[in-house]
Amino acid sequence: MRSEDHHGDPTASDFGATTFGAAGADSLTAVEDHGVHTEQGAGYLDTDTGSLDDVALATTGHGDAMTPSAPKGATPIETASGYPFGLASR
């Protein structure tokens, strides 16, 4: 998927990245904002988020213990535009 803001989908298999979950589990907070740190504490690297836990695992040689990534669905904008054939596929 491409847009003016995002030149490539880092979760796409052809991007080559290792994905991990960001939904939170147990006492860890789910990521609800694409920011690194947010006022709400729900950014990718905010304290007590599942994604921060997974980044720590990945960068200390324990990537096999990361939370699996759940397949994402289309966003409301993608759905409204007829994704994958509308706006989101440009």
PDB file of N, CA and C in Angstrom:
ATOM      1  N   MET A   1       0.841  -1.171   0.000  1.00  0.00           N
ATOM      2  CA  MET A   1       0.000   0.000   0.000  1.00  0.00           C
ATOM      3  C   MET A   1       0.885   1.231   0.000  1.00  0.00           C
ATOM      4  N   ARG A   2       0.523   2.231  -0.760  1.00  0.00           N
ATOM      5  CA  ARG A   2       1.275   3.480  -0.818  1.00  0.00           C
ATOM      6  C   ARG A   2       0.323   4.658  -0.658  1.00  0.00           C
ATOM      7  N   SER A   3       0.818   5.705  -0.087  1.00  0.00           N
ATOM      8  CA  SER A   3       0.089   6.955   0.012  1.00  0.00           C
ATOM      9  C   SER A   3       1.122   8.065  -0.042  1.00  0.00           C
ATOM     10  N   GLU A   4       0.665   9.309  -0.026  1.00  0.00           N
ATOM     11  CA  GLU A   4       1.615  10.416  -0.046  1.00  0.00           C
ATOM     12  C   GLU A   4       2.483  10.420   1.213  1.00  0.00           C
ATOM     13  N   ASP A   5       1.920   9.989   2.341  1.00  0.00           N
ATOM     14  CA  ASP A   5       2.660   9.988   3.601  1.00  0.00           C
ATOM     15  C   ASP A   5       3.537   8.759   3.775  1.00  0.00           C
ATOM     16  N   HIS A   6       3.091   7.639   3.275  1.00  0.00           N
ATOM     17  CA  HIS A   6       3.779   6.366   3.497  1.00  0.00           C
ATOM     18  C   HIS A   6       4.147   5.757   2.148  1.00  0.00           C
ATOM     19  N   HIS A   7       5.415   5.674   1.892  1.00  0.00           N
ATOM     20  CA  HIS A   7       5.880   5.212   0.588  1.00  0.00           C
ATOM     21  C   HIS A   7       5.916   3.699   0.458  1.00  0.00           C
ATOM     22  N   GLY A   8       5.784   3.004   1.559  1.00  0.00           N
ATOM     23  CA  GLY A   8       5.742   1.557   1.533  1.00  0.00           C
ATOM     24  C   GLY A   8       5.127   1.043   2.820  1.00  0.00           C
ATOM     25  N   ASP A   9       4.440  -0.054   2.741  1.00  0.00           N
ATOM     26  CA  ASP A   9       3.804  -0.648   3.914  1.00  0.00           C
ATOM     27  C   ASP A   9       4.824  -1.531   4.614  1.00  0.00           C
ATOM     28  N   PRO A  10       5.294  -1.149   5.803  1.00  0.00           N
ATOM     29  CA  PRO A  10       6.321  -1.946   6.469  1.00  0.00           C
ATOM     30  C   PRO A  10       5.831  -3.304   6.942  1.00  0.00           C
ATOM     31  N   THR A  11       4.524  -3.543   6.871  1.00  0.00           N
ATOM     32  CA  THR A  11       4.010  -4.861   7.246  1.00  0.00           C
ATOM     33  C   THR A  11       3.842  -5.779   6.041  1.00  0.00           C
ATOM     34  N   ALA A  12       4.071  -5.250   4.843  1.00  0.00           N
ATOM     35  CA  ALA A  12       3.963  -6.071   3.630  1.00  0.00           C
ATOM     36  C   ALA A  12       5.154  -7.022   3.539  1.00  0.00           C
ATOM     37  N   SER A  13       4.912  -8.225   3.073  1.00  0.00           N
ATOM     38  CA  SER A  13       5.985  -9.221   3.014  1.00  0.00           C
ATOM     39  C   SER A  13       7.148  -8.769   2.127  1.00  0.00           C
ATOM     40  N   ASP A  14       6.877  -8.018   1.064  1.00  0.00           N
ATOM     41  CA  ASP A  14       7.961  -7.584   0.185  1.00  0.00           C
ATOM     42  C   ASP A  14       8.784  -6.432   0.776  1.00  0.00           C
ATOM     43  N   PHE A  15       8.340  -5.858   1.879  1.00  0.00           N
ATOM     44  CA  PHE A  15       9.115  -4.810   2.552  1.00  0.00           C
ATOM     45  C   PHE A  15      10.345  -5.408   3.229  1.00  0.00           C
ATOM     46  N   GLY A  16      10.193  -6.639   3.718  1.00  0.00           N
ATOM     47  CA  GLY A  16      11.322  -7.354   4.299  1.00  0.00           C
ATOM     48  C   GLY A  16      11.500  -7.197   5.801  1.00  0.00           C
ATOM     49  N   ALA A  17      10.554  -6.568   6.466  1.00  0.00           N
ATOM     50  CA  ALA A  17      10.674  -6.366   7.910  1.00  0.00           C
ATOM     51  C   ALA A  17      10.098  -7.557   8.678  1.00  0.00           C
ATOM     52  N   THR A  18      10.528  -7.706   9.909  1.00  0.00           N
ATOM     53  CA  THR A  18       9.924  -8.669  10.813  1.00  0.00           C
ATOM     54  C   THR A  18       8.846  -7.926  11.583  1.00  0.00           C
ATOM     55  N   THR A  19       7.621  -8.378  11.492  1.00  0.00           N
ATOM     56  CA  THR A  19       6.523  -7.704  12.170  1.00  0.00           C
ATOM     57  C   THR A  19       6.293  -8.316  13.545  1.00  0.00           C
ATOM     58  N   PHE A  20       5.627  -7.560  14.390  1.00  0.00           N
ATOM     59  CA  PHE A  20       5.285  -8.050  15.726  1.00  0.00           C
ATOM     60  C   PHE A  20       3.970  -7.421  16.137  1.00  0.00           C
ATOM     61  N   GLY A  21       3.354  -8.005  17.131  1.00  0.00           N
ATOM     62  CA  GLY A  21       2.064  -7.526  17.606  1.00  0.00           C
ATOM     63  C   GLY A  21       2.176  -6.195  18.325  1.00  0.00           C
ATOM     64  N   ALA A  22       1.093  -5.448  18.310  1.00  0.00           N
ATOM     65  CA  ALA A  22       1.042  -4.166  19.010  1.00  0.00           C
ATOM     66  C   ALA A  22      -0.281  -4.026  19.764  1.00  0.00           C
ATOM     67  N   ALA A  23      -1.010  -5.125  19.902  1.00  0.00           N
ATOM     68  CA  ALA A  23      -2.332  -5.078  20.523  1.00  0.00           C
ATOM     69  C   ALA A  23      -2.273  -5.054  22.044  1.00  0.00           C
ATOM     70  N   GLY A  24      -1.136  -5.359  22.614  1.00  0.00           N
ATOM     71  CA  GLY A  24      -1.035  -5.406  24.071  1.00  0.00           C
ATOM     72  C   GLY A  24      -1.557  -6.746  24.575  1.00  0.00           C
ATOM     73  N   ALA A  25      -1.087  -7.169  25.688  1.00  0.00           N
ATOM     74  CA  ALA A  25      -1.525  -8.436  26.289  1.00  0.00           C
ATOM     75  C   ALA A  25      -1.219  -8.368  27.774  1.00  0.00           C
ATOM     76  N   ASP A  26      -1.941  -9.143  28.522  1.00  0.00           N
ATOM     77  CA  ASP A  26      -1.752  -9.158  29.972  1.00  0.00           C
ATOM     78  C   ASP A  26      -1.858  -7.729  30.500  1.00  0.00           C
ATOM     79  N   SER A  27      -0.819  -7.223  31.121  1.00  0.00           N
ATOM     80  CA  SER A  27      -0.857  -5.876  31.691  1.00  0.00           C
ATOM     81  C   SER A  27      -0.278  -4.823  30.752  1.00  0.00           C
ATOM     82  N   LEU A  28       0.058  -5.202  29.515  1.00  0.00           N
ATOM     83  CA  LEU A  28       0.667  -4.267  28.573  1.00  0.00           C
ATOM     84  C   LEU A  28      -0.399  -3.523  27.778  1.00  0.00           C
ATOM     85  N   THR A  29      -0.151  -2.256  27.499  1.00  0.00           N
ATOM     86  CA  THR A  29      -1.076  -1.388  26.775  1.00  0.00           C
ATOM     87  C   THR A  29      -0.987  -1.630  25.271  1.00  0.00           C
ATOM     88  N   ALA A  30      -2.126  -1.582  24.611  1.00  0.00           N
ATOM     89  CA  ALA A  30      -2.165  -1.689  23.152  1.00  0.00           C
ATOM     90  C   ALA A  30      -1.749  -0.368  22.517  1.00  0.00           C
ATOM     91  N   VAL A  31      -1.084  -0.434  21.380  1.00  0.00           N
ATOM     92  CA  VAL A  31      -0.724   0.758  20.624  1.00  0.00           C
ATOM     93  C   VAL A  31      -1.983   1.269  19.937  1.00  0.00           C
ATOM     94  N   GLU A  32      -2.282   2.538  20.136  1.00  0.00           N
ATOM     95  CA  GLU A  32      -3.470   3.143  19.526  1.00  0.00           C
ATOM     96  C   GLU A  32      -3.124   4.385  18.722  1.00  0.00           C
ATOM     97  N   ASP A  33      -1.833   4.670  18.592  1.00  0.00           N
ATOM     98  CA  ASP A  33      -1.389   5.870  17.892  1.00  0.00           C
ATOM     99  C   ASP A  33      -0.085   5.515  17.179  1.00  0.00           C
ATOM    100  N   HIS A  34       0.119   6.033  15.994  1.00  0.00           N
ATOM    101  CA  HIS A  34       1.342   5.726  15.249  1.00  0.00           C
ATOM    102  C   HIS A  34       2.557   6.501  15.747  1.00  0.00           C
ATOM    103  N   GLY A  35       2.371   7.350  16.730  1.00  0.00           N
ATOM    104  CA  GLY A  35       3.493   8.100  17.283  1.00  0.00           C
ATOM    105  C   GLY A  35       4.410   7.210  18.101  1.00  0.00           C
ATOM    106  N   VAL A  36       5.623   7.661  18.280  1.00  0.00           N
ATOM    107  CA  VAL A  36       6.583   6.916  19.088  1.00  0.00           C
ATOM    108  C   VAL A  36       6.221   7.046  20.564  1.00  0.00           C
ATOM    109  N   HIS A  37       6.038   8.289  21.010  1.00  0.00           N
ATOM    110  CA  HIS A  37       5.611   8.577  22.381  1.00  0.00           C
ATOM    111  C   HIS A  37       4.380   9.469  22.284  1.00  0.00           C
ATOM    112  N   THR A  38       3.351   9.193  23.055  1.00  0.00           N
ATOM    113  CA  THR A  38       2.128   9.986  22.989  1.00  0.00           C
ATOM    114  C   THR A  38       1.696  10.417  24.379  1.00  0.00           C
ATOM    115  N   GLU A  39       0.887  11.452  24.436  1.00  0.00           N
ATOM    116  CA  GLU A  39       0.359  11.916  25.719  1.00  0.00           C
ATOM    117  C   GLU A  39      -0.483  10.831  26.388  1.00  0.00           C
ATOM    118  N   GLN A  40      -1.161  10.024  25.586  1.00  0.00           N
ATOM    119  CA  GLN A  40      -2.025   8.974  26.121  1.00  0.00           C
ATOM    120  C   GLN A  40      -1.246   7.734  26.553  1.00  0.00           C
ATOM    121  N   GLY A  41       0.041   7.669  26.218  1.00  0.00           N
ATOM    122  CA  GLY A  41       0.849   6.505  26.573  1.00  0.00           C
ATOM    123  C   GLY A  41       0.572   5.294  25.714  1.00  0.00           C
ATOM    124  N   ALA A  42       0.094   5.527  24.486  1.00  0.00           N
ATOM    125  CA  ALA A  42      -0.263   4.423  23.598  1.00  0.00           C
ATOM    126  C   ALA A  42       0.523   4.455  22.291  1.00  0.00           C
ATOM    127  N   GLY A  43       1.725   5.042  22.303  1.00  0.00           N
ATOM    128  CA  GLY A  43       2.588   5.057  21.133  1.00  0.00           C
ATOM    129  C   GLY A  43       3.480   3.825  21.116  1.00  0.00           C
ATOM    130  N   TYR A  44       4.140   3.591  20.011  1.00  0.00           N
ATOM    131  CA  TYR A  44       4.943   2.377  19.838  1.00  0.00           C
ATOM    132  C   TYR A  44       6.027   2.183  20.898  1.00  0.00           C
ATOM    133  N   LEU A  45       6.613   3.267  21.385  1.00  0.00           N
ATOM    134  CA  LEU A  45       7.694   3.120  22.365  1.00  0.00           C
ATOM    135  C   LEU A  45       7.349   3.704  23.727  1.00  0.00           C
ATOM    136  N   ASP A  46       6.066   3.856  24.010  1.00  0.00           N
ATOM    137  CA  ASP A  46       5.656   4.321  25.337  1.00  0.00           C
ATOM    138  C   ASP A  46       5.825   3.193  26.354  1.00  0.00           C
ATOM    139  N   THR A  47       6.067   3.586  27.598  1.00  0.00           N
ATOM    140  CA  THR A  47       6.243   2.643  28.699  1.00  0.00           C
ATOM    141  C   THR A  47       5.023   1.731  28.826  1.00  0.00           C
ATOM    142  N   ASP A  48       5.261   0.486  29.106  1.00  0.00           N
ATOM    143  CA  ASP A  48       4.227  -0.523  29.355  1.00  0.00           C
ATOM    144  C   ASP A  48       3.362  -0.860  28.145  1.00  0.00           C
ATOM    145  N   THR A  49       3.886  -0.632  26.920  1.00  0.00           N
ATOM    146  CA  THR A  49       3.163  -1.073  25.721  1.00  0.00           C
ATOM    147  C   THR A  49       3.724  -2.403  25.259  1.00  0.00           C
ATOM    148  N   GLY A  50       2.865  -3.191  24.631  1.00  0.00           N
ATOM    149  CA  GLY A  50       3.306  -4.464  24.087  1.00  0.00           C
ATOM    150  C   GLY A  50       4.374  -4.293  23.031  1.00  0.00           C
ATOM    151  N   SER A  51       4.291  -3.208  22.249  1.00  0.00           N
ATOM    152  CA  SER A  51       5.282  -3.000  21.202  1.00  0.00           C
ATOM    153  C   SER A  51       6.656  -2.681  21.783  1.00  0.00           C
ATOM    154  N   LEU A  52       6.723  -1.911  22.866  1.00  0.00           N
ATOM    155  CA  LEU A  52       8.015  -1.642  23.496  1.00  0.00           C
ATOM    156  C   LEU A  52       8.622  -2.939  24.014  1.00  0.00           C
ATOM    157  N   ASP A  53       7.799  -3.790  24.577  1.00  0.00           N
ATOM    158  CA  ASP A  53       8.259  -5.095  25.046  1.00  0.00           C
ATOM    159  C   ASP A  53       8.839  -5.902  23.882  1.00  0.00           C
ATOM    160  N   ASP A  54       8.138  -5.895  22.741  1.00  0.00           N
ATOM    161  CA  ASP A  54       8.615  -6.640  21.577  1.00  0.00           C
ATOM    162  C   ASP A  54       9.886  -6.037  20.989  1.00  0.00           C
ATOM    163  N   VAL A  55      10.008  -4.714  20.981  1.00  0.00           N
ATOM    164  CA  VAL A  55      11.239  -4.075  20.500  1.00  0.00           C
ATOM    165  C   VAL A  55      12.408  -4.478  21.392  1.00  0.00           C
ATOM    166  N   ALA A  56      12.171  -4.512  22.696  1.00  0.00           N
ATOM    167  CA  ALA A  56      13.229  -4.938  23.620  1.00  0.00           C
ATOM    168  C   ALA A  56      13.645  -6.378  23.332  1.00  0.00           C
ATOM    169  N   LEU A  57      12.691  -7.243  23.087  1.00  0.00           N
ATOM    170  CA  LEU A  57      13.008  -8.638  22.769  1.00  0.00           C
ATOM    171  C   LEU A  57      13.805  -8.733  21.468  1.00  0.00           C
ATOM    172  N   ALA A  58      13.367  -7.994  20.448  1.00  0.00           N
ATOM    173  CA  ALA A  58      14.021  -8.041  19.137  1.00  0.00           C
ATOM    174  C   ALA A  58      15.451  -7.530  19.192  1.00  0.00           C
ATOM    175  N   THR A  59      15.701  -6.513  19.994  1.00  0.00           N
ATOM    176  CA  THR A  59      17.025  -5.895  20.019  1.00  0.00           C
ATOM    177  C   THR A  59      17.975  -6.530  21.023  1.00  0.00           C
ATOM    178  N   THR A  60      17.503  -7.538  21.724  1.00  0.00           N
ATOM    179  CA  THR A  60      18.374  -8.239  22.674  1.00  0.00           C
ATOM    180  C   THR A  60      18.519  -9.715  22.322  1.00  0.00           C
ATOM    181  N   GLY A  61      18.209 -10.037  21.051  1.00  0.00           N
ATOM    182  CA  GLY A  61      18.410 -11.405  20.586  1.00  0.00           C
ATOM    183  C   GLY A  61      17.314 -12.381  20.950  1.00  0.00           C
ATOM    184  N   HIS A  62      16.152 -11.881  21.326  1.00  0.00           N
ATOM    185  CA  HIS A  62      15.044 -12.757  21.713  1.00  0.00           C
ATOM    186  C   HIS A  62      13.830 -12.564  20.804  1.00  0.00           C
ATOM    187  N   GLY A  63      14.088 -12.300  19.538  1.00  0.00           N
ATOM    188  CA  GLY A  63      13.010 -12.067  18.578  1.00  0.00           C
ATOM    189  C   GLY A  63      12.019 -13.205  18.469  1.00  0.00           C
ATOM    190  N   ASP A  64      12.467 -14.417  18.773  1.00  0.00           N
ATOM    191  CA  ASP A  64      11.564 -15.569  18.700  1.00  0.00           C
ATOM    192  C   ASP A  64      10.476 -15.504  19.775  1.00  0.00           C
ATOM    193  N   ALA A  65      10.639 -14.657  20.781  1.00  0.00           N
ATOM    194  CA  ALA A  65       9.656 -14.533  21.860  1.00  0.00           C
ATOM    195  C   ALA A  65       8.689 -13.365  21.647  1.00  0.00           C
ATOM    196  N   MET A  66       8.831 -12.630  20.518  1.00  0.00           N
ATOM    197  CA  MET A  66       7.947 -11.495  20.257  1.00  0.00           C
ATOM    198  C   MET A  66       6.505 -11.945  20.054  1.00  0.00           C
ATOM    199  N   THR A  67       5.578 -11.038  20.348  1.00  0.00           N
ATOM    200  CA  THR A  67       4.157 -11.281  20.110  1.00  0.00           C
ATOM    201  C   THR A  67       3.928 -11.376  18.604  1.00  0.00           C
ATOM    202  N   PRO A  68       3.223 -12.392  18.136  1.00  0.00           N
ATOM    203  CA  PRO A  68       2.962 -12.484  16.698  1.00  0.00           C
ATOM    204  C   PRO A  68       2.117 -11.308  16.206  1.00  0.00           C
ATOM    205  N   SER A  69       2.358 -10.912  14.988  1.00  0.00           N
ATOM    206  CA  SER A  69       1.591  -9.843  14.365  1.00  0.00           C
ATOM    207  C   SER A  69       0.251 -10.392  13.886  1.00  0.00           C
ATOM    208  N   ALA A  70      -0.809  -9.682  14.200  1.00  0.00           N
ATOM    209  CA  ALA A  70      -2.140 -10.065  13.714  1.00  0.00           C
ATOM    210  C   ALA A  70      -2.382  -9.380  12.379  1.00  0.00           C
ATOM    211  N   PRO A  71      -2.946 -10.099  11.409  1.00  0.00           N
ATOM    212  CA  PRO A  71      -3.219  -9.461  10.115  1.00  0.00           C
ATOM    213  C   PRO A  71      -4.119  -8.253  10.302  1.00  0.00           C
ATOM    214  N   LYS A  72      -3.790  -7.188   9.609  1.00  0.00           N
ATOM    215  CA  LYS A  72      -4.603  -5.981   9.715  1.00  0.00           C
ATOM    216  C   LYS A  72      -5.676  -5.983   8.642  1.00  0.00           C
ATOM    217  N   GLY A  73      -6.745  -5.345   8.942  1.00  0.00           N
ATOM    218  CA  GLY A  73      -7.812  -5.180   7.964  1.00  0.00           C
ATOM    219  C   GLY A  73      -7.710  -3.812   7.314  1.00  0.00           C
ATOM    220  N   ALA A  74      -8.586  -3.562   6.410  1.00  0.00           N
ATOM    221  CA  ALA A  74      -8.617  -2.265   5.739  1.00  0.00           C
ATOM    222  C   ALA A  74      -9.088  -1.190   6.710  1.00  0.00           C
ATOM    223  N   THR A  75      -8.515   0.000   6.587  1.00  0.00           N
ATOM    224  CA  THR A  75      -8.945   1.134   7.402  1.00  0.00           C
ATOM    225  C   THR A  75     -10.281   1.644   6.869  1.00  0.00           C
ATOM    226  N   PRO A  76     -10.994   2.469   7.638  1.00  0.00           N
ATOM    227  CA  PRO A  76     -12.247   3.037   7.119  1.00  0.00           C
ATOM    228  C   PRO A  76     -12.056   3.810   5.811  1.00  0.00           C
ATOM    229  N   ILE A  77     -10.950   4.523   5.682  1.00  0.00           N
ATOM    230  CA  ILE A  77     -10.691   5.269   4.438  1.00  0.00           C
ATOM    231  C   ILE A  77     -10.468   4.309   3.282  1.00  0.00           C
ATOM    232  N   GLU A  78      -9.707   3.234   3.519  1.00  0.00           N
ATOM    233  CA  GLU A  78      -9.482   2.249   2.460  1.00  0.00           C
ATOM    234  C   GLU A  78     -10.795   1.606   2.045  1.00  0.00           C
ATOM    235  N   THR A  79     -11.628   1.275   2.997  1.00  0.00           N
ATOM    236  CA  THR A  79     -12.921   0.659   2.702  1.00  0.00           C
ATOM    237  C   THR A  79     -13.785   1.608   1.876  1.00  0.00           C
ATOM    238  N   ALA A  80     -13.858   2.873   2.278  1.00  0.00           N
ATOM    239  CA  ALA A  80     -14.671   3.857   1.569  1.00  0.00           C
ATOM    240  C   ALA A  80     -14.167   4.117   0.152  1.00  0.00           C
ATOM    241  N   SER A  81     -12.862   3.975  -0.062  1.00  0.00           N
ATOM    242  CA  SER A  81     -12.290   4.270  -1.373  1.00  0.00           C
ATOM    243  C   SER A  81     -12.310   3.071  -2.319  1.00  0.00           C
ATOM    244  N   GLY A  82     -12.792   1.933  -1.829  1.00  0.00           N
ATOM    245  CA  GLY A  82     -12.819   0.758  -2.678  1.00  0.00           C
ATOM    246  C   GLY A  82     -11.526  -0.019  -2.668  1.00  0.00           C
ATOM    247  N   TYR A  83     -10.733   0.145  -1.609  1.00  0.00           N
ATOM    248  CA  TYR A  83      -9.469  -0.581  -1.472  1.00  0.00           C
ATOM    249  C   TYR A  83      -9.680  -2.049  -1.784  1.00  0.00           C
ATOM    250  N   PRO A  84      -8.840  -2.691  -2.565  1.00  0.00           N
ATOM    251  CA  PRO A  84      -7.518  -2.221  -2.968  1.00  0.00           C
ATOM    252  C   PRO A  84      -7.487  -1.482  -4.301  1.00  0.00           C
ATOM    253  N   PHE A  85      -8.641  -1.192  -4.883  1.00  0.00           N
ATOM    254  CA  PHE A  85      -8.642  -0.606  -6.214  1.00  0.00           C
ATOM    255  C   PHE A  85      -8.836   0.906  -6.234  1.00  0.00           C
ATOM    256  N   GLY A  86      -9.085   1.520  -5.101  1.00  0.00           N
ATOM    257  CA  GLY A  86      -9.335   2.947  -5.056  1.00  0.00           C
ATOM    258  C   GLY A  86      -8.145   3.749  -4.590  1.00  0.00           C
ATOM    259  N   LEU A  87      -8.418   4.747  -3.793  1.00  0.00           N
ATOM    260  CA  LEU A  87      -7.418   5.688  -3.307  1.00  0.00           C
ATOM    261  C   LEU A  87      -6.210   5.027  -2.679  1.00  0.00           C
ATOM    262  N   ALA A  88      -6.439   4.021  -1.845  1.00  0.00           N
ATOM    263  CA  ALA A  88      -5.341   3.419  -1.099  1.00  0.00           C
ATOM    264  C   ALA A  88      -4.339   2.685  -1.977  1.00  0.00           C
ATOM    265  N   SER A  89      -4.692   2.323  -3.172  1.00  0.00           N
ATOM    266  CA  SER A  89      -3.771   1.563  -4.012  1.00  0.00           C
ATOM    267  C   SER A  89      -2.900   2.460  -4.879  1.00  0.00           C
ATOM    268  N   ARG A  90      -3.066   3.770  -4.808  1.00  0.00           N
ATOM    269  CA  ARG A  90      -2.254   4.673  -5.622  1.00  0.00           C
ATOM    270  C   ARG A  90      -0.848   4.797  -5.113  1.00  0.00           C
TER     271      ARG A  90
END
